[in-house]
Amino acid sequence: MARPRSLQDAPEDDGFPIRVASRMSGIEADTLRVWERRYGFPRPQRTQGGTRVYSRADVEVLKLIASALREGFRPSDVVGKTDEELARLLRAAGGTSHEEVREPAPRGSPRGTMDIVQSILDAVISDDGAGLRDELRRAAVLLGPKQFVVEVAGPLAVRVGELWQQGRVEVRHEHLLSEALSTQLRLLSAAFEETGGSRVVLLATPPRELHGLGLEMTAVYLATRGVTPRTIGCDVPFDQIVAAAKGHDANAVGVSISEANDLDALSFGVRGLARDLPEEVGLWLGGAGAPRIASPPPRAKIIRSWFDLDDAVRALDADPAMGPLGSLPPGSRRTPPRG
C-alpha cells in the first residue's frame, strides 16, 4: 500500500484532516465535532478509515464563522449559513468582508487566554451579565471544551476566589460568575451526551460541600477524554454516593472537597466511603481541601492537576479492574458561601 502523502504534498481536492482544518480556521477540533452534531455543519467527508476530511470550501466558511464570532455573533446565529450570508452579516456589523477574512489569531497572541480571562473578570466586576455570557460563549467556541476548562474556567474560579478574599469583589460577583460559568459548562457537557465512552466516573461533593463548579469542569474534561461522567451534585451523603456508584455501575468515584468544609469530619466519612465502595471501583479525591484530609484511606490517591487526571484516565482505560486511580483536579480556592 502506498505511503500516505503529507499535508504539504496533498492537493487541495484531497481535503484537510480535522486538526489541519482547525488550525487553518482558528476553531478547535472539539468545537467542530460539536457543531457537526448540533448544527449539521460542517459536514466533512469520511475516508475509508472513518477520518473526517474537510474541503477547502469548508475551511473558508469556517474562517468567516470565526470572524463573525469575534464580532460578537453567537454560534447559533452563524453556523450553517452560506459564505455569502456570513459576508453580509460581517459587513452589516462593520467587520471583515468576504474578501478580507482575518487570519485566526495564533495562540499566545495578544488575544490569548490571559486577556480572555481578564475580559470576563471585567464583565463580572461591572455587573455586566450579558457581556459575561457573551465572553464565556466566545471563549468556549474559539478554544474548544478542553482548553476552555483548563485555561479559562479553572483560572477564573481561582482568581475570583482570590479577589473575594482580598475584598476586591463581593458575593454578588462570585454568584454572577458561578451561574454564568455553570450554564456554559452544562452546555458543553450536553454536546457529549450521545457520545459517552464505556468508562463511567461518578462525580459528587460530600455532605455540607456546596461548591459544584469543580465537578462541572471535571465532567467536561472527562467527556473530552472519552469518559462518561455521571454528576449527582453537591452535599451528597456518603451512603448515597456508594449507592449511586453501584447503581450507575461506575468504574471510579470522584469526590471534590473544598477548604471551606469541616475536614476533620470529612476524614472519617471518606474512610467509610473507601470501606463501603466495591473493591473494583476507584476512589478519586480532589479539590483544594483534599490534600488536608487526615489519614486518607490507602485506596484513595490525591492528585493535584489536570495532568494527573489524564494519568488516571489512562490507568482506567488500561485496567478497568484497577482500584485507586487519582483525583479530581483542584477547583477554586476558598470562595464565599452561597445563601
Protein backbone atom coordinates (compact mmCIF):
# COMPACT_ATOMS: atom_id res chain seq x y z
CA MET A 1 0.00 0.00 0.00
CA ALA A 2 1.34 3.42 -0.90
CA ARG A 3 2.59 5.62 1.95
CA PRO A 4 0.08 8.40 2.85
CA ARG A 5 1.10 11.75 1.48
CA SER A 6 1.95 14.61 3.82
CA LEU A 7 -0.34 17.59 4.09
CA GLN A 8 2.18 19.70 2.20
CA ASP A 9 2.14 17.24 -0.70
CA ALA A 10 -1.63 16.75 -0.81
CA PRO A 11 -3.58 18.71 -3.43
CA GLU A 12 -6.47 20.85 -2.24
CA ASP A 13 -9.05 18.45 -3.68
CA ASP A 14 -7.93 15.82 -1.17
CA GLY A 15 -9.21 18.00 1.67
CA PHE A 16 -7.79 18.50 5.13
CA PRO A 17 -7.93 16.40 8.30
CA ILE A 18 -9.69 17.92 11.29
CA ARG A 19 -6.55 19.13 13.07
CA VAL A 20 -5.41 21.00 9.97
CA ALA A 21 -8.87 22.46 9.35
CA SER A 22 -8.87 23.55 12.99
CA ARG A 23 -5.51 25.26 12.69
CA MET A 24 -6.43 26.99 9.42
CA SER A 25 -9.79 28.27 10.69
CA GLY A 26 -8.82 29.02 14.28
CA ILE A 27 -11.70 26.88 15.61
CA GLU A 28 -10.87 24.00 17.93
CA ALA A 29 -11.33 20.43 16.68
CA ASP A 30 -13.64 19.62 19.60
CA THR A 31 -15.84 22.56 18.62
CA LEU A 32 -16.04 21.35 15.00
CA ARG A 33 -17.27 17.96 16.20
CA VAL A 34 -19.85 19.59 18.47
CA TRP A 35 -21.16 21.79 15.63
CA GLU A 36 -21.38 18.79 13.33
CA ARG A 37 -23.68 17.05 15.82
CA ARG A 38 -25.67 20.11 16.86
CA TYR A 39 -25.99 22.11 13.64
CA GLY A 40 -25.17 19.63 10.87
CA PHE A 41 -22.24 21.81 9.78
CA PRO A 42 -19.51 21.34 8.86
CA ARG A 43 -20.34 18.06 7.16
CA PRO A 44 -16.94 16.58 6.29
CA GLN A 45 -16.36 13.62 4.02
CA ARG A 46 -15.07 10.41 5.57
CA THR A 47 -12.14 8.31 4.44
CA GLN A 48 -12.42 4.53 4.34
CA GLY A 49 -10.90 4.52 7.81
CA GLY A 50 -13.55 6.93 9.12
CA THR A 51 -11.31 10.01 9.32
CA ARG A 52 -13.02 13.37 8.80
CA VAL A 53 -11.82 15.30 5.74
CA TYR A 54 -12.75 18.97 5.24
CA SER A 55 -12.81 20.67 1.85
CA ARG A 56 -11.18 23.99 1.05
CA ALA A 57 -14.70 25.48 0.85
CA ASP A 58 -15.48 24.18 4.35
CA VAL A 59 -12.36 25.83 5.73
CA GLU A 60 -13.15 29.16 4.06
CA VAL A 61 -16.65 29.18 5.57
CA LEU A 62 -15.19 28.28 8.96
CA LYS A 63 -12.85 31.26 8.71
CA LEU A 64 -15.84 33.51 8.12
CA ILE A 65 -17.64 31.96 11.08
CA ALA A 66 -14.58 32.57 13.27
CA SER A 67 -14.58 36.21 12.18
CA ALA A 68 -18.29 36.52 12.97
CA LEU A 69 -17.75 35.07 16.44
CA ARG A 70 -15.04 37.63 17.10
CA GLU A 71 -17.55 40.32 16.13
CA GLY A 72 -19.93 39.05 18.84
CA PHE A 73 -22.31 36.76 16.95
CA ARG A 74 -23.46 33.55 18.63
CA PRO A 75 -22.75 30.14 17.07
CA SER A 76 -26.49 29.58 16.55
CA ASP A 77 -26.57 32.85 14.54
CA VAL A 78 -23.86 31.89 12.08
CA VAL A 79 -23.11 28.16 11.95
CA GLY A 80 -24.77 26.68 8.87
CA LYS A 81 -25.06 29.94 6.93
CA THR A 82 -23.54 30.26 3.47
CA ASP A 83 -20.41 32.28 2.85
CA GLU A 84 -22.49 34.99 1.17
CA GLU A 85 -24.82 35.24 4.18
CA LEU A 86 -21.86 35.39 6.52
CA ALA A 87 -20.22 38.09 4.45
CA ARG A 88 -23.39 40.20 4.62
CA LEU A 89 -23.56 39.78 8.39
CA LEU A 90 -19.94 40.83 8.76
CA ARG A 91 -20.37 43.89 6.56
CA ALA A 92 -23.50 44.90 8.46
CA ALA A 93 -21.61 44.55 11.74
CA GLY A 94 -18.70 46.60 10.43
CA GLY A 95 -16.43 43.59 10.46
CA THR A 96 -14.40 42.00 7.70
CA SER A 97 -15.68 41.43 4.22
CA HIS A 98 -15.64 38.11 2.39
CA GLU A 99 -12.52 39.15 0.57
CA GLU A 100 -10.54 40.11 3.65
CA VAL A 101 -11.20 37.44 6.23
CA ARG A 102 -8.92 37.82 9.22
CA GLU A 103 -6.45 35.05 9.82
CA PRO A 104 -7.11 33.32 13.14
CA ALA A 105 -5.09 34.76 15.98
CA PRO A 106 -2.33 32.33 16.94
CA ARG A 107 -2.19 31.06 20.47
CA GLY A 108 -0.02 33.27 22.54
CA SER A 109 -1.19 36.31 20.58
CA PRO A 110 -2.40 39.47 22.35
CA ARG A 111 -5.92 37.97 22.46
CA GLY A 112 -4.63 34.98 24.40
CA THR A 113 -6.34 33.23 27.28
CA MET A 114 -4.99 35.67 29.88
CA ASP A 115 -6.71 38.51 28.03
CA ILE A 116 -9.90 36.44 27.73
CA VAL A 117 -9.91 35.78 31.47
CA GLN A 118 -9.38 39.47 32.19
CA SER A 119 -12.22 40.46 29.85
CA ILE A 120 -14.53 38.07 31.65
CA LEU A 121 -13.44 39.43 35.04
CA ASP A 122 -14.09 42.98 33.80
CA ALA A 123 -17.64 41.98 32.88
CA VAL A 124 -18.14 40.37 36.30
CA ILE A 125 -16.90 43.39 38.24
CA SER A 126 -19.05 45.69 36.07
CA ASP A 127 -22.15 43.56 36.81
CA ASP A 128 -22.46 43.08 33.05
CA GLY A 129 -24.33 39.78 32.87
CA ALA A 130 -24.95 39.88 29.12
CA GLY A 131 -21.32 40.75 28.39
CA LEU A 132 -20.16 37.98 30.73
CA ARG A 133 -22.26 35.37 28.95
CA ASP A 134 -21.08 36.55 25.54
CA GLU A 135 -17.41 36.43 26.59
CA LEU A 136 -17.80 32.92 28.01
CA ARG A 137 -19.63 31.74 24.90
CA ARG A 138 -17.00 33.10 22.54
CA ALA A 139 -14.17 31.64 24.61
CA ALA A 140 -15.79 28.20 24.64
CA VAL A 141 -16.32 28.24 20.89
CA LEU A 142 -12.88 29.50 19.94
CA LEU A 143 -10.90 27.42 22.43
CA GLY A 144 -12.89 24.21 22.46
CA PRO A 145 -14.20 22.41 25.58
CA LYS A 146 -10.94 21.07 26.98
CA GLN A 147 -8.88 24.23 26.58
CA PHE A 148 -11.80 26.31 27.84
CA VAL A 149 -11.90 24.31 31.07
CA VAL A 150 -8.14 24.30 31.64
CA GLU A 151 -7.22 27.82 30.58
CA VAL A 152 -10.37 29.84 31.26
CA ALA A 153 -12.87 28.20 33.63
CA GLY A 154 -10.35 26.92 36.17
CA PRO A 155 -8.26 30.11 36.36
CA LEU A 156 -11.45 32.20 36.59
CA ALA A 157 -12.73 30.25 39.58
CA VAL A 158 -9.38 30.58 41.33
CA ARG A 159 -8.98 34.27 40.54
CA VAL A 160 -12.45 35.27 41.72
CA GLY A 161 -11.83 33.38 44.97
CA GLU A 162 -8.59 35.32 45.45
CA LEU A 163 -10.26 38.64 44.69
CA TRP A 164 -13.04 37.88 47.16
CA GLN A 165 -10.52 37.06 49.89
CA GLN A 166 -8.82 40.38 49.15
CA GLY A 167 -12.11 42.26 49.41
CA ARG A 168 -11.95 43.36 45.76
CA VAL A 169 -15.16 41.62 44.68
CA GLU A 170 -18.38 40.95 46.54
CA VAL A 171 -20.54 37.88 46.97
CA ARG A 172 -22.86 39.00 44.15
CA HIS A 173 -19.90 38.99 41.73
CA GLU A 174 -18.94 35.45 42.68
CA HIS A 175 -22.54 34.30 42.28
CA LEU A 176 -22.85 36.03 38.90
CA LEU A 177 -19.75 34.28 37.56
CA SER A 178 -20.68 30.92 39.09
CA GLU A 179 -24.13 30.90 37.49
CA ALA A 180 -22.90 32.01 34.06
CA LEU A 181 -19.94 29.65 34.09
CA SER A 182 -22.12 26.75 35.26
CA THR A 183 -24.54 27.38 32.40
CA GLN A 184 -21.72 27.38 29.85
CA LEU A 185 -20.19 24.20 31.25
CA ARG A 186 -23.56 22.44 31.15
CA LEU A 187 -23.97 23.42 27.50
CA LEU A 188 -20.57 21.94 26.73
CA SER A 189 -21.42 18.76 28.64
CA ALA A 190 -24.69 18.38 26.74
CA ALA A 191 -22.81 18.17 23.45
CA PHE A 192 -21.19 14.92 24.62
CA GLU A 193 -24.31 13.22 25.96
CA GLU A 194 -24.72 10.88 22.99
CA THR A 195 -21.04 10.09 22.56
CA GLY A 196 -20.07 8.87 26.02
CA GLY A 197 -17.37 6.26 26.48
CA SER A 198 -17.63 2.85 28.09
CA ARG A 199 -15.90 4.03 31.28
CA VAL A 200 -18.19 5.74 33.83
CA VAL A 201 -17.00 8.11 36.55
CA LEU A 202 -19.45 9.22 39.24
CA LEU A 203 -18.88 12.79 40.46
CA ALA A 204 -20.20 14.32 43.69
CA THR A 205 -19.33 16.55 46.61
CA PRO A 206 -19.64 15.23 50.18
CA PRO A 207 -22.03 16.41 52.92
CA ARG A 208 -22.02 20.16 53.61
CA GLU A 209 -19.97 20.78 50.45
CA LEU A 210 -21.87 23.27 48.25
CA HIS A 211 -19.15 24.19 45.73
CA GLY A 212 -20.01 22.40 42.49
CA LEU A 213 -18.06 24.20 39.77
CA GLY A 214 -15.14 21.79 40.15
CA LEU A 215 -17.48 18.90 39.38
CA GLU A 216 -18.83 20.59 36.28
CA MET A 217 -15.37 21.42 34.96
CA THR A 218 -14.21 17.88 35.60
CA ALA A 219 -17.28 16.44 33.86
CA VAL A 220 -16.49 18.40 30.68
CA TYR A 221 -12.81 17.48 30.85
CA LEU A 222 -13.58 13.78 31.30
CA ALA A 223 -16.05 13.86 28.40
CA THR A 224 -13.33 15.19 26.08
CA ARG A 225 -11.24 12.17 27.11
CA GLY A 226 -13.97 9.72 26.09
CA VAL A 227 -15.16 9.03 29.65
CA THR A 228 -18.84 9.21 30.61
CA PRO A 229 -19.29 11.44 33.70
CA ARG A 230 -22.29 10.95 35.96
CA THR A 231 -22.67 14.02 38.17
CA ILE A 232 -25.05 13.61 41.10
CA GLY A 233 -24.41 17.05 42.57
CA CYS A 234 -23.43 18.66 45.85
CA ASP A 235 -23.99 17.86 49.52
CA VAL A 236 -24.47 14.13 48.92
CA PRO A 237 -24.41 11.74 51.92
CA PHE A 238 -21.66 9.15 51.70
CA ASP A 239 -24.06 6.22 51.71
CA GLN A 240 -25.84 7.75 48.71
CA ILE A 241 -22.55 8.11 46.85
CA VAL A 242 -21.95 4.38 47.41
CA ALA A 243 -25.47 3.52 46.24
CA ALA A 244 -25.11 5.72 43.15
CA ALA A 245 -21.76 4.15 42.27
CA LYS A 246 -23.38 0.73 42.32
CA GLY A 247 -26.50 1.92 40.50
CA HIS A 248 -24.52 3.55 37.69
CA ASP A 249 -22.01 0.68 37.51
CA ALA A 250 -19.24 3.28 37.92
CA ASN A 251 -15.59 2.46 37.29
CA ALA A 252 -14.50 5.25 39.63
CA VAL A 253 -15.96 7.78 42.06
CA GLY A 254 -14.69 11.35 42.20
CA VAL A 255 -15.30 13.43 45.33
CA SER A 256 -14.44 17.14 45.26
CA ILE A 257 -13.62 18.80 48.60
CA SER A 258 -13.04 22.50 49.21
CA GLU A 259 -11.00 24.06 52.01
CA ALA A 260 -14.19 25.58 53.44
CA ASN A 261 -15.58 22.24 54.62
CA ASP A 262 -15.08 20.56 58.01
CA LEU A 263 -12.08 18.48 57.02
CA ASP A 264 -11.85 16.63 60.31
CA ALA A 265 -15.41 15.37 59.98
CA LEU A 266 -14.90 14.55 56.32
CA SER A 267 -11.82 12.47 57.06
CA PHE A 268 -13.99 9.97 58.93
CA GLY A 269 -16.60 9.96 56.13
CA VAL A 270 -14.02 9.43 53.40
CA ARG A 271 -12.59 6.42 55.22
CA GLY A 272 -16.10 4.98 55.43
CA LEU A 273 -16.65 5.66 51.74
CA ALA A 274 -13.46 3.78 50.87
CA ARG A 275 -14.58 0.86 53.02
CA ASP A 276 -18.09 0.64 51.52
CA LEU A 277 -17.33 1.13 47.82
CA PRO A 278 -16.94 -2.05 45.78
CA GLU A 279 -13.31 -3.11 45.65
CA GLU A 280 -13.07 -2.70 41.88
CA VAL A 281 -14.29 0.93 41.94
CA GLY A 282 -11.57 3.58 42.02
CA LEU A 283 -11.77 6.40 44.56
CA TRP A 284 -10.64 9.79 43.33
CA LEU A 285 -10.26 12.69 45.78
CA GLY A 286 -9.77 16.23 44.57
CA GLY A 287 -10.28 19.90 45.27
CA ALA A 288 -8.22 22.26 47.37
CA GLY A 289 -9.28 20.54 50.61
CA ALA A 290 -8.38 17.00 49.56
CA PRO A 291 -4.67 17.19 50.48
CA ARG A 292 -5.70 18.18 54.03
CA ILE A 293 -7.81 15.09 54.67
CA ALA A 294 -6.33 13.38 57.71
CA SER A 295 -5.20 9.77 57.27
CA PRO A 296 -6.68 9.22 53.79
CA PRO A 297 -7.51 5.60 53.06
CA PRO A 298 -4.84 3.64 51.14
CA ARG A 299 -7.11 3.03 48.15
CA ALA A 300 -7.63 6.78 47.65
CA LYS A 301 -4.93 8.80 45.96
CA ILE A 302 -4.93 12.60 45.90
CA ILE A 303 -3.89 14.23 42.61
CA ARG A 304 -3.48 17.93 42.14
CA SER A 305 -3.52 18.68 38.40
CA TRP A 306 -5.21 18.05 35.06
CA PHE A 307 -2.09 16.15 34.00
CA ASP A 308 -2.64 13.74 36.86
CA LEU A 309 -6.29 13.37 35.87
CA ASP A 310 -5.04 12.37 32.41
CA ASP A 311 -2.88 9.72 34.07
CA ALA A 312 -5.92 8.49 36.00
CA VAL A 313 -7.95 8.16 32.81
CA ARG A 314 -5.11 6.29 31.09
CA ALA A 315 -4.93 3.92 34.05
CA LEU A 316 -8.69 3.47 33.92
CA ASP A 317 -8.53 2.58 30.23
CA ALA A 318 -5.57 0.26 30.72
CA ASP A 319 -7.08 -1.74 33.59
CA PRO A 320 -10.82 -1.37 34.28
CA ALA A 321 -10.48 -3.51 37.39
CA MET A 322 -7.88 -1.19 38.87
CA GLY A 323 -8.72 0.36 42.22
CA PRO A 324 -7.00 3.63 43.20
CA LEU A 325 -6.50 5.85 40.20
CA GLY A 326 -6.34 9.53 41.01
CA SER A 327 -8.43 12.53 41.82
CA LEU A 328 -10.37 15.41 40.54
CA PRO A 329 -8.14 18.36 39.83
CA PRO A 330 -8.30 21.08 42.47
CA GLY A 331 -11.14 23.51 41.98
CA SER A 332 -11.10 27.09 43.10
CA ARG A 333 -9.59 28.30 46.30
CA ARG A 334 -12.00 29.22 49.04
CA THR A 335 -14.95 31.11 47.61
CA PRO A 336 -17.74 32.79 49.54
CA PRO A 337 -20.53 30.55 50.80
CA ARG A 338 -23.81 30.64 48.95
CA GLY A 339 -27.05 31.66 50.55
